[in-house]
Amino acid sequence: MKTRETASEGFRHALALHHTSYTPPQQDPALVGTMTRQGRCCELGARAFPDTKDGEQDRTATSRKDIRAEQRQANDSTRVAAILRAPAERAGRPVSSASLRQAG
């Protein structure tokens, strides 16, 4: 592989033209300002909402379990009400919520 010292005259000429015409990319000042503000907002968010610790995660998991248990209980009571209501509906009798409470 040729290095710059052993390169051909044409390569050196092309390289010199490239260096004279090449301008490094410049960042847009508005973009730099936006990136700076975004970085500050991320830092403020990290201070306002720190990572949860192990104990807090356990409480969250417990509350999720409680929520799921409540949802299951509500689903079960709805299912029981539907089972109790089905014979009356098949017979064509009106079903009131009070009669379901008494039966259940």
PDB file of N, CA and C in Angstrom:
ATOM      1  N   MET A   1       0.847  -1.172   0.000  1.00  0.00           N
ATOM      2  CA  MET A   1       0.000   0.000   0.000  1.00  0.00           C
ATOM      3  C   MET A   1       0.893   1.235   0.000  1.00  0.00           C
ATOM      4  N   LYS A   2       0.536   2.178  -0.816  1.00  0.00           N
ATOM      5  CA  LYS A   2       1.355   3.377  -0.939  1.00  0.00           C
ATOM      6  C   LYS A   2       1.019   4.376   0.161  1.00  0.00           C
ATOM      7  N   THR A   3       1.994   5.039   0.651  1.00  0.00           N
ATOM      8  CA  THR A   3       1.779   6.117   1.610  1.00  0.00           C
ATOM      9  C   THR A   3       1.840   7.435   0.865  1.00  0.00           C
ATOM     10  N   ARG A   4       1.616   8.516   1.562  1.00  0.00           N
ATOM     11  CA  ARG A   4       1.643   9.823   0.907  1.00  0.00           C
ATOM     12  C   ARG A   4       3.016  10.138   0.326  1.00  0.00           C
ATOM     13  N   GLU A   5       4.050   9.654   0.987  1.00  0.00           N
ATOM     14  CA  GLU A   5       5.401   9.950   0.502  1.00  0.00           C
ATOM     15  C   GLU A   5       5.688   9.228  -0.812  1.00  0.00           C
ATOM     16  N   THR A   6       5.180   8.029  -0.956  1.00  0.00           N
ATOM     17  CA  THR A   6       5.466   7.253  -2.169  1.00  0.00           C
ATOM     18  C   THR A   6       4.319   7.308  -3.173  1.00  0.00           C
ATOM     19  N   ALA A   7       3.286   8.129  -2.906  1.00  0.00           N
ATOM     20  CA  ALA A   7       2.135   8.210  -3.807  1.00  0.00           C
ATOM     21  C   ALA A   7       2.517   8.945  -5.084  1.00  0.00           C
ATOM     22  N   SER A   8       1.697   8.732  -6.098  1.00  0.00           N
ATOM     23  CA  SER A   8       1.957   9.367  -7.394  1.00  0.00           C
ATOM     24  C   SER A   8       1.682  10.864  -7.316  1.00  0.00           C
ATOM     25  N   GLU A   9       2.198  11.573  -8.307  1.00  0.00           N
ATOM     26  CA  GLU A   9       2.006  13.023  -8.360  1.00  0.00           C
ATOM     27  C   GLU A   9       0.527  13.369  -8.515  1.00  0.00           C
ATOM     28  N   GLY A  10      -0.212  12.584  -9.271  1.00  0.00           N
ATOM     29  CA  GLY A  10      -1.652  12.827  -9.457  1.00  0.00           C
ATOM     30  C   GLY A  10      -2.421  12.722  -8.135  1.00  0.00           C
ATOM     31  N   PHE A  11      -2.043  11.731  -7.325  1.00  0.00           N
ATOM     32  CA  PHE A  11      -2.693  11.569  -6.032  1.00  0.00           C
ATOM     33  C   PHE A  11      -2.414  12.769  -5.139  1.00  0.00           C
ATOM     34  N   ARG A  12      -1.164  13.208  -5.121  1.00  0.00           N
ATOM     35  CA  ARG A  12      -0.803  14.366  -4.290  1.00  0.00           C
ATOM     36  C   ARG A  12      -1.570  15.606  -4.732  1.00  0.00           C
ATOM     37  N   HIS A  13      -1.701  15.773  -6.042  1.00  0.00           N
ATOM     38  CA  HIS A  13      -2.425  16.928  -6.575  1.00  0.00           C
ATOM     39  C   HIS A  13      -3.908  16.853  -6.158  1.00  0.00           C
ATOM     40  N   ALA A  14      -4.519  15.673  -6.297  1.00  0.00           N
ATOM     41  CA  ALA A  14      -5.929  15.510  -5.928  1.00  0.00           C
ATOM     42  C   ALA A  14      -6.119  15.727  -4.432  1.00  0.00           C
ATOM     43  N   LEU A  15      -5.181  15.245  -3.632  1.00  0.00           N
ATOM     44  CA  LEU A  15      -5.257  15.421  -2.191  1.00  0.00           C
ATOM     45  C   LEU A  15      -5.124  16.893  -1.814  1.00  0.00           C
ATOM     46  N   ALA A  16      -4.244  17.608  -2.467  1.00  0.00           N
ATOM     47  CA  ALA A  16      -4.079  19.035  -2.202  1.00  0.00           C
ATOM     48  C   ALA A  16      -5.351  19.796  -2.571  1.00  0.00           C
ATOM     49  N   LEU A  17      -5.981  19.436  -3.703  1.00  0.00           N
ATOM     50  CA  LEU A  17      -7.236  20.088  -4.087  1.00  0.00           C
ATOM     51  C   LEU A  17      -8.345  19.784  -3.073  1.00  0.00           C
ATOM     52  N   HIS A  18      -8.360  18.575  -2.605  1.00  0.00           N
ATOM     53  CA  HIS A  18      -9.374  18.193  -1.617  1.00  0.00           C
ATOM     54  C   HIS A  18      -9.205  19.005  -0.323  1.00  0.00           C
ATOM     55  N   HIS A  19      -7.983  19.144   0.125  1.00  0.00           N
ATOM     56  CA  HIS A  19      -7.732  19.898   1.357  1.00  0.00           C
ATOM     57  C   HIS A  19      -8.079  21.372   1.192  1.00  0.00           C
ATOM     58  N   THR A  20      -7.892  21.926   0.021  1.00  0.00           N
ATOM     59  CA  THR A  20      -8.219  23.342  -0.168  1.00  0.00           C
ATOM     60  C   THR A  20      -9.719  23.559  -0.284  1.00  0.00           C
ATOM     61  N   SER A  21     -10.449  22.594  -0.854  1.00  0.00           N
ATOM     62  CA  SER A  21     -11.879  22.787  -1.066  1.00  0.00           C
ATOM     63  C   SER A  21     -12.739  22.249   0.080  1.00  0.00           C
ATOM     64  N   TYR A  22     -12.166  21.415   0.905  1.00  0.00           N
ATOM     65  CA  TYR A  22     -12.933  20.807   1.988  1.00  0.00           C
ATOM     66  C   TYR A  22     -13.070  21.766   3.150  1.00  0.00           C
ATOM     67  N   THR A  23     -14.275  21.945   3.612  1.00  0.00           N
ATOM     68  CA  THR A  23     -14.517  22.717   4.827  1.00  0.00           C
ATOM     69  C   THR A  23     -15.193  21.782   5.828  1.00  0.00           C
ATOM     70  N   PRO A  24     -14.678  21.739   7.024  1.00  0.00           N
ATOM     71  CA  PRO A  24     -15.298  20.836   8.005  1.00  0.00           C
ATOM     72  C   PRO A  24     -16.737  21.263   8.275  1.00  0.00           C
ATOM     73  N   PRO A  25     -17.619  20.311   8.535  1.00  0.00           N
ATOM     74  CA  PRO A  25     -19.022  20.661   8.790  1.00  0.00           C
ATOM     75  C   PRO A  25     -19.142  21.487  10.064  1.00  0.00           C
ATOM     76  N   GLN A  26     -19.975  22.506   9.978  1.00  0.00           N
ATOM     77  CA  GLN A  26     -20.191  23.366  11.140  1.00  0.00           C
ATOM     78  C   GLN A  26     -21.594  23.127  11.661  1.00  0.00           C
ATOM     79  N   GLN A  27     -21.722  23.143  12.971  1.00  0.00           N
ATOM     80  CA  GLN A  27     -23.029  22.905  13.565  1.00  0.00           C
ATOM     81  C   GLN A  27     -23.852  24.178  13.543  1.00  0.00           C
ATOM     82  N   ASP A  28     -25.122  23.985  13.319  1.00  0.00           N
ATOM     83  CA  ASP A  28     -26.065  25.084  13.332  1.00  0.00           C
ATOM     84  C   ASP A  28     -26.199  25.587  14.769  1.00  0.00           C
ATOM     85  N   PRO A  29     -26.065  26.895  15.002  1.00  0.00           N
ATOM     86  CA  PRO A  29     -26.166  27.417  16.370  1.00  0.00           C
ATOM     87  C   PRO A  29     -27.513  27.094  17.026  1.00  0.00           C
ATOM     88  N   ALA A  30     -28.580  27.093  16.247  1.00  0.00           N
ATOM     89  CA  ALA A  30     -29.892  26.773  16.816  1.00  0.00           C
ATOM     90  C   ALA A  30     -29.927  25.323  17.276  1.00  0.00           C
ATOM     91  N   LEU A  31     -29.284  24.444  16.507  1.00  0.00           N
ATOM     92  CA  LEU A  31     -29.232  23.032  16.873  1.00  0.00           C
ATOM     93  C   LEU A  31     -28.412  22.835  18.149  1.00  0.00           C
ATOM     94  N   VAL A  32     -27.309  23.548  18.250  1.00  0.00           N
ATOM     95  CA  VAL A  32     -26.474  23.444  19.451  1.00  0.00           C
ATOM     96  C   VAL A  32     -27.265  23.913  20.674  1.00  0.00           C
ATOM     97  N   GLY A  33     -28.011  25.017  20.530  1.00  0.00           N
ATOM     98  CA  GLY A  33     -28.827  25.527  21.632  1.00  0.00           C
ATOM     99  C   GLY A  33     -29.910  24.544  22.028  1.00  0.00           C
ATOM    100  N   THR A  34     -30.538  23.927  21.039  1.00  0.00           N
ATOM    101  CA  THR A  34     -31.586  22.953  21.313  1.00  0.00           C
ATOM    102  C   THR A  34     -31.024  21.745  22.042  1.00  0.00           C
ATOM    103  N   MET A  35     -29.876  21.270  21.603  1.00  0.00           N
ATOM    104  CA  MET A  35     -29.255  20.117  22.250  1.00  0.00           C
ATOM    105  C   MET A  35     -28.870  20.441  23.696  1.00  0.00           C
ATOM    106  N   THR A  36     -28.427  21.662  23.921  1.00  0.00           N
ATOM    107  CA  THR A  36     -28.061  22.080  25.275  1.00  0.00           C
ATOM    108  C   THR A  36     -29.290  22.118  26.180  1.00  0.00           C
ATOM    109  N   ARG A  37     -30.383  22.709  25.669  1.00  0.00           N
ATOM    110  CA  ARG A  37     -31.614  22.770  26.462  1.00  0.00           C
ATOM    111  C   ARG A  37     -32.153  21.373  26.747  1.00  0.00           C
ATOM    112  N   GLN A  38     -32.081  20.499  25.751  1.00  0.00           N
ATOM    113  CA  GLN A  38     -32.567  19.144  25.943  1.00  0.00           C
ATOM    114  C   GLN A  38     -31.736  18.424  27.016  1.00  0.00           C
ATOM    115  N   GLY A  39     -30.450  18.640  27.009  1.00  0.00           N
ATOM    116  CA  GLY A  39     -29.590  18.037  28.023  1.00  0.00           C
ATOM    117  C   GLY A  39     -29.934  18.529  29.413  1.00  0.00           C
ATOM    118  N   ARG A  40     -30.210  19.844  29.533  1.00  0.00           N
ATOM    119  CA  ARG A  40     -30.593  20.389  30.836  1.00  0.00           C
ATOM    120  C   ARG A  40     -31.922  19.804  31.304  1.00  0.00           C
ATOM    121  N   CYS A  41     -32.863  19.656  30.379  1.00  0.00           N
ATOM    122  CA  CYS A  41     -34.166  19.080  30.746  1.00  0.00           C
ATOM    123  C   CYS A  41     -34.018  17.635  31.207  1.00  0.00           C
ATOM    124  N   CYS A  42     -33.152  16.889  30.548  1.00  0.00           N
ATOM    125  CA  CYS A  42     -32.922  15.500  30.957  1.00  0.00           C
ATOM    126  C   CYS A  42     -32.323  15.448  32.355  1.00  0.00           C
ATOM    127  N   GLU A  43     -31.412  16.365  32.647  1.00  0.00           N
ATOM    128  CA  GLU A  43     -30.815  16.398  33.983  1.00  0.00           C
ATOM    129  C   GLU A  43     -31.852  16.759  35.035  1.00  0.00           C
ATOM    130  N   LEU A  44     -32.715  17.732  34.722  1.00  0.00           N
ATOM    131  CA  LEU A  44     -33.766  18.113  35.668  1.00  0.00           C
ATOM    132  C   LEU A  44     -34.730  16.951  35.882  1.00  0.00           C
ATOM    133  N   GLY A  45     -35.066  16.244  34.803  1.00  0.00           N
ATOM    134  CA  GLY A  45     -35.962  15.093  34.932  1.00  0.00           C
ATOM    135  C   GLY A  45     -35.352  14.000  35.774  1.00  0.00           C
ATOM    136  N   ALA A  46     -34.050  13.803  35.623  1.00  0.00           N
ATOM    137  CA  ALA A  46     -33.381  12.767  36.407  1.00  0.00           C
ATOM    138  C   ALA A  46     -33.369  13.146  37.894  1.00  0.00           C
ATOM    139  N   ARG A  47     -33.251  14.448  38.180  1.00  0.00           N
ATOM    140  CA  ARG A  47     -33.286  14.877  39.582  1.00  0.00           C
ATOM    141  C   ARG A  47     -34.701  14.806  40.144  1.00  0.00           C
ATOM    142  N   ALA A  48     -35.691  15.158  39.315  1.00  0.00           N
ATOM    143  CA  ALA A  48     -37.074  15.173  39.786  1.00  0.00           C
ATOM    144  C   ALA A  48     -37.626  13.760  39.955  1.00  0.00           C
ATOM    145  N   PHE A  49     -37.206  12.841  39.093  1.00  0.00           N
ATOM    146  CA  PHE A  49     -37.704  11.467  39.135  1.00  0.00           C
ATOM    147  C   PHE A  49     -36.528  10.505  39.214  1.00  0.00           C
ATOM    148  N   PRO A  50     -35.935  10.378  40.383  1.00  0.00           N
ATOM    149  CA  PRO A  50     -34.782   9.478  40.502  1.00  0.00           C
ATOM    150  C   PRO A  50     -35.218   8.033  40.304  1.00  0.00           C
ATOM    151  N   ASP A  51     -34.257   7.193  39.993  1.00  0.00           N
ATOM    152  CA  ASP A  51     -34.538   5.772  39.819  1.00  0.00           C
ATOM    153  C   ASP A  51     -35.115   5.207  41.108  1.00  0.00           C
ATOM    154  N   THR A  52     -36.039   4.276  40.939  1.00  0.00           N
ATOM    155  CA  THR A  52     -36.650   3.677  42.123  1.00  0.00           C
ATOM    156  C   THR A  52     -35.666   2.737  42.794  1.00  0.00           C
ATOM    157  N   LYS A  53     -35.799   2.654  44.089  1.00  0.00           N
ATOM    158  CA  LYS A  53     -34.943   1.744  44.856  1.00  0.00           C
ATOM    159  C   LYS A  53     -35.661   0.413  44.984  1.00  0.00           C
ATOM    160  N   ASP A  54     -34.978  -0.580  45.497  1.00  0.00           N
ATOM    161  CA  ASP A  54     -35.541  -1.922  45.591  1.00  0.00           C
ATOM    162  C   ASP A  54     -36.841  -1.952  46.386  1.00  0.00           C
ATOM    163  N   GLY A  55     -36.901  -1.250  47.491  1.00  0.00           N
ATOM    164  CA  GLY A  55     -38.099  -1.244  48.323  1.00  0.00           C
ATOM    165  C   GLY A  55     -39.298  -0.661  47.592  1.00  0.00           C
ATOM    166  N   GLU A  56     -39.069   0.388  46.827  1.00  0.00           N
ATOM    167  CA  GLU A  56     -40.161   1.000  46.081  1.00  0.00           C
ATOM    168  C   GLU A  56     -40.655   0.072  44.987  1.00  0.00           C
ATOM    169  N   GLN A  57     -39.753  -0.660  44.370  1.00  0.00           N
ATOM    170  CA  GLN A  57     -40.167  -1.603  43.335  1.00  0.00           C
ATOM    171  C   GLN A  57     -41.019  -2.706  43.938  1.00  0.00           C
ATOM    172  N   ASP A  58     -40.672  -3.150  45.158  1.00  0.00           N
ATOM    173  CA  ASP A  58     -41.456  -4.186  45.817  1.00  0.00           C
ATOM    174  C   ASP A  58     -42.860  -3.692  46.125  1.00  0.00           C
ATOM    175  N   ARG A  59     -42.964  -2.436  46.565  1.00  0.00           N
ATOM    176  CA  ARG A  59     -44.292  -1.887  46.844  1.00  0.00           C
ATOM    177  C   ARG A  59     -45.117  -1.805  45.576  1.00  0.00           C
ATOM    178  N   THR A  60     -44.492  -1.424  44.467  1.00  0.00           N
ATOM    179  CA  THR A  60     -45.195  -1.343  43.199  1.00  0.00           C
ATOM    180  C   THR A  60     -45.675  -2.721  42.771  1.00  0.00           C
ATOM    181  N   ALA A  61     -44.816  -3.719  42.918  1.00  0.00           N
ATOM    182  CA  ALA A  61     -45.201  -5.077  42.548  1.00  0.00           C
ATOM    183  C   ALA A  61     -46.365  -5.550  43.405  1.00  0.00           C
ATOM    184  N   THR A  62     -46.338  -5.238  44.696  1.00  0.00           N
ATOM    185  CA  THR A  62     -47.423  -5.647  45.582  1.00  0.00           C
ATOM    186  C   THR A  62     -48.716  -4.962  45.174  1.00  0.00           C
ATOM    187  N   SER A  63     -48.639  -3.691  44.875  1.00  0.00           N
ATOM    188  CA  SER A  63     -49.858  -2.986  44.492  1.00  0.00           C
ATOM    189  C   SER A  63     -50.386  -3.522  43.168  1.00  0.00           C
ATOM    190  N   ARG A  64     -49.513  -3.921  42.280  1.00  0.00           N
ATOM    191  CA  ARG A  64     -49.977  -4.524  41.019  1.00  0.00           C
ATOM    192  C   ARG A  64     -50.667  -5.848  41.290  1.00  0.00           C
ATOM    193  N   LYS A  65     -50.098  -6.616  42.228  1.00  0.00           N
ATOM    194  CA  LYS A  65     -50.737  -7.884  42.593  1.00  0.00           C
ATOM    195  C   LYS A  65     -52.113  -7.627  43.197  1.00  0.00           C
ATOM    196  N   ASP A  66     -52.199  -6.601  44.038  1.00  0.00           N
ATOM    197  CA  ASP A  66     -53.488  -6.263  44.643  1.00  0.00           C
ATOM    198  C   ASP A  66     -54.495  -5.849  43.581  1.00  0.00           C
ATOM    199  N   ILE A  67     -54.034  -5.070  42.638  1.00  0.00           N
ATOM    200  CA  ILE A  67     -54.923  -4.624  41.561  1.00  0.00           C
ATOM    201  C   ILE A  67     -55.414  -5.817  40.756  1.00  0.00           C
ATOM    202  N   ARG A  68     -54.523  -6.728  40.426  1.00  0.00           N
ATOM    203  CA  ARG A  68     -54.926  -7.926  39.675  1.00  0.00           C
ATOM    204  C   ARG A  68     -55.925  -8.757  40.473  1.00  0.00           C
ATOM    205  N   ALA A  69     -55.695  -8.890  41.782  1.00  0.00           N
ATOM    206  CA  ALA A  69     -56.619  -9.657  42.622  1.00  0.00           C
ATOM    207  C   ALA A  69     -58.000  -9.008  42.640  1.00  0.00           C
ATOM    208  N   GLU A  70     -58.040  -7.677  42.740  1.00  0.00           N
ATOM    209  CA  GLU A  70     -59.322  -6.967  42.704  1.00  0.00           C
ATOM    210  C   GLU A  70     -60.015  -7.158  41.364  1.00  0.00           C
ATOM    211  N   GLN A  71     -59.240  -7.104  40.283  1.00  0.00           N
ATOM    212  CA  GLN A  71     -59.833  -7.306  38.964  1.00  0.00           C
ATOM    213  C   GLN A  71     -60.390  -8.719  38.832  1.00  0.00           C
ATOM    214  N   ARG A  72     -59.643  -9.711  39.340  1.00  0.00           N
ATOM    215  CA  ARG A  72     -60.131 -11.089  39.282  1.00  0.00           C
ATOM    216  C   ARG A  72     -61.422 -11.246  40.088  1.00  0.00           C
ATOM    217  N   GLN A  73     -61.460 -10.612  41.251  1.00  0.00           N
ATOM    218  CA  GLN A  73     -62.649 -10.695  42.097  1.00  0.00           C
ATOM    219  C   GLN A  73     -63.850 -10.056  41.390  1.00  0.00           C
ATOM    220  N   ALA A  74     -63.630  -8.910  40.750  1.00  0.00           N
ATOM    221  CA  ALA A  74     -64.711  -8.255  40.013  1.00  0.00           C
ATOM    222  C   ALA A  74     -65.171  -9.127  38.848  1.00  0.00           C
ATOM    223  N   ASN A  75     -64.216  -9.743  38.152  1.00  0.00           N
ATOM    224  CA  ASN A  75     -64.573 -10.627  37.044  1.00  0.00           C
ATOM    225  C   ASN A  75     -65.361 -11.829  37.544  1.00  0.00           C
ATOM    226  N   ASP A  76     -64.945 -12.389  38.679  1.00  0.00           N
ATOM    227  CA  ASP A  76     -65.655 -13.540  39.236  1.00  0.00           C
ATOM    228  C   ASP A  76     -67.076 -13.172  39.632  1.00  0.00           C
ATOM    229  N   SER A  77     -67.253 -12.019  40.258  1.00  0.00           N
ATOM    230  CA  SER A  77     -68.601 -11.616  40.665  1.00  0.00           C
ATOM    231  C   SER A  77     -69.483 -11.360  39.441  1.00  0.00           C
ATOM    232  N   THR A  78     -68.913 -10.824  38.373  1.00  0.00           N
ATOM    233  CA  THR A  78     -69.670 -10.631  37.148  1.00  0.00           C
ATOM    234  C   THR A  78     -70.077 -11.982  36.558  1.00  0.00           C
ATOM    235  N   ARG A  79     -69.160 -12.937  36.592  1.00  0.00           N
ATOM    236  CA  ARG A  79     -69.445 -14.273  36.065  1.00  0.00           C
ATOM    237  C   ARG A  79     -70.545 -14.949  36.884  1.00  0.00           C
ATOM    238  N   VAL A  80     -70.471 -14.830  38.213  1.00  0.00           N
ATOM    239  CA  VAL A  80     -71.491 -15.423  39.073  1.00  0.00           C
ATOM    240  C   VAL A  80     -72.846 -14.786  38.793  1.00  0.00           C
ATOM    241  N   ALA A  81     -72.883 -13.479  38.638  1.00  0.00           N
ATOM    242  CA  ALA A  81     -74.137 -12.792  38.346  1.00  0.00           C
ATOM    243  C   ALA A  81     -74.717 -13.263  37.018  1.00  0.00           C
ATOM    244  N   ALA A  82     -73.867 -13.469  36.033  1.00  0.00           N
ATOM    245  CA  ALA A  82     -74.344 -13.948  34.732  1.00  0.00           C
ATOM    246  C   ALA A  82     -74.901 -15.361  34.844  1.00  0.00           C
ATOM    247  N   ILE A  83     -74.252 -16.203  35.640  1.00  0.00           N
ATOM    248  CA  ILE A  83     -74.727 -17.575  35.821  1.00  0.00           C
ATOM    249  C   ILE A  83     -76.082 -17.580  36.540  1.00  0.00           C
ATOM    250  N   LEU A  84     -76.236 -16.739  37.540  1.00  0.00           N
ATOM    251  CA  LEU A  84     -77.505 -16.657  38.266  1.00  0.00           C
ATOM    252  C   LEU A  84     -78.609 -16.033  37.412  1.00  0.00           C
ATOM    253  N   ARG A  85     -78.256 -15.136  36.538  1.00  0.00           N
ATOM    254  CA  ARG A  85     -79.233 -14.435  35.713  1.00  0.00           C
ATOM    255  C   ARG A  85     -79.700 -15.289  34.533  1.00  0.00           C
ATOM    256  N   ALA A  86     -78.874 -16.211  34.057  1.00  0.00           N
ATOM    257  CA  ALA A  86     -79.170 -16.975  32.847  1.00  0.00           C
ATOM    258  C   ALA A  86     -80.490 -17.740  32.915  1.00  0.00           C
ATOM    259  N   PRO A  87     -80.808 -18.502  33.977  1.00  0.00           N
ATOM    260  CA  PRO A  87     -82.080 -19.238  33.977  1.00  0.00           C
ATOM    261  C   PRO A  87     -83.303 -18.323  33.896  1.00  0.00           C
ATOM    262  N   ALA A  88     -83.218 -17.180  34.587  1.00  0.00           N
ATOM    263  CA  ALA A  88     -84.350 -16.255  34.559  1.00  0.00           C
ATOM    264  C   ALA A  88     -84.523 -15.651  33.170  1.00  0.00           C
ATOM    265  N   GLU A  89     -83.423 -15.353  32.528  1.00  0.00           N
ATOM    266  CA  GLU A  89     -83.510 -14.784  31.186  1.00  0.00           C
ATOM    267  C   GLU A  89     -84.049 -15.817  30.200  1.00  0.00           C
ATOM    268  N   ARG A  90     -83.635 -17.080  30.385  1.00  0.00           N
ATOM    269  CA  ARG A  90     -84.152 -18.134  29.496  1.00  0.00           C
ATOM    270  C   ARG A  90     -85.660 -18.314  29.682  1.00  0.00           C
ATOM    271  N   ALA A  91     -86.112 -18.141  30.908  1.00  0.00           N
ATOM    272  CA  ALA A  91     -87.543 -18.302  31.197  1.00  0.00           C
ATOM    273  C   ALA A  91     -88.341 -17.069  30.779  1.00  0.00           C
ATOM    274  N   GLY A  92     -87.645 -15.995  30.422  1.00  0.00           N
ATOM    275  CA  GLY A  92     -88.330 -14.788  29.991  1.00  0.00           C
ATOM    276  C   GLY A  92     -88.779 -13.898  31.126  1.00  0.00           C
ATOM    277  N   ARG A  93     -88.269 -14.130  32.317  1.00  0.00           N
ATOM    278  CA  ARG A  93     -88.629 -13.294  33.457  1.00  0.00           C
ATOM    279  C   ARG A  93     -87.651 -12.131  33.563  1.00  0.00           C
ATOM    280  N   PRO A  94     -88.125 -10.970  33.987  1.00  0.00           N
ATOM    281  CA  PRO A  94     -87.207  -9.843  34.199  1.00  0.00           C
ATOM    282  C   PRO A  94     -86.310 -10.123  35.407  1.00  0.00           C
ATOM    283  N   VAL A  95     -85.080  -9.709  35.309  1.00  0.00           N
ATOM    284  CA  VAL A  95     -84.110  -9.945  36.374  1.00  0.00           C
ATOM    285  C   VAL A  95     -83.697  -8.601  36.949  1.00  0.00           C
ATOM    286  N   SER A  96     -83.817  -8.473  38.271  1.00  0.00           N
ATOM    287  CA  SER A  96     -83.375  -7.236  38.916  1.00  0.00           C
ATOM    288  C   SER A  96     -82.062  -7.495  39.645  1.00  0.00           C
ATOM    289  N   SER A  97     -81.312  -6.446  39.853  1.00  0.00           N
ATOM    290  CA  SER A  97     -80.039  -6.590  40.553  1.00  0.00           C
ATOM    291  C   SER A  97     -80.250  -6.972  42.011  1.00  0.00           C
ATOM    292  N   ALA A  98     -81.409  -6.595  42.596  1.00  0.00           N
ATOM    293  CA  ALA A  98     -81.706  -6.936  43.983  1.00  0.00           C
ATOM    294  C   ALA A  98     -81.893  -8.434  44.134  1.00  0.00           C
ATOM    295  N   SER A  99     -82.544  -9.079  43.179  1.00  0.00           N
ATOM    296  CA  SER A  99     -82.745 -10.522  43.277  1.00  0.00           C
ATOM    297  C   SER A  99     -81.420 -11.262  43.114  1.00  0.00           C
ATOM    298  N   LEU A 100     -80.502 -10.693  42.334  1.00  0.00           N
ATOM    299  CA  LEU A 100     -79.190 -11.316  42.184  1.00  0.00           C
ATOM    300  C   LEU A 100     -78.407 -11.216  43.488  1.00  0.00           C
ATOM    301  N   ARG A 101     -78.533 -10.101  44.187  1.00  0.00           N
ATOM    302  CA  ARG A 101     -77.822  -9.919  45.450  1.00  0.00           C
ATOM    303  C   ARG A 101     -78.319 -10.905  46.497  1.00  0.00           C
ATOM    304  N   GLN A 102     -79.643 -11.150  46.479  1.00  0.00           N
ATOM    305  CA  GLN A 102     -80.208 -12.080  47.443  1.00  0.00           C
ATOM    306  C   GLN A 102     -79.758 -13.504  47.152  1.00  0.00           C
ATOM    307  N   ALA A 103     -79.683 -13.858  45.870  1.00  0.00           N
ATOM    308  CA  ALA A 103     -79.315 -15.217  45.494  1.00  0.00           C
ATOM    309  C   ALA A 103     -77.829 -15.450  45.691  1.00  0.00           C
ATOM    310  N   GLY A 104     -77.018 -14.418  45.479  1.00  0.00           N
ATOM    311  CA  GLY A 104     -75.579 -14.582  45.542  1.00  0.00           C
ATOM    312  C   GLY A 104     -75.079 -14.390  46.899  1.00  0.00           C
TER     313      GLY A 104
END
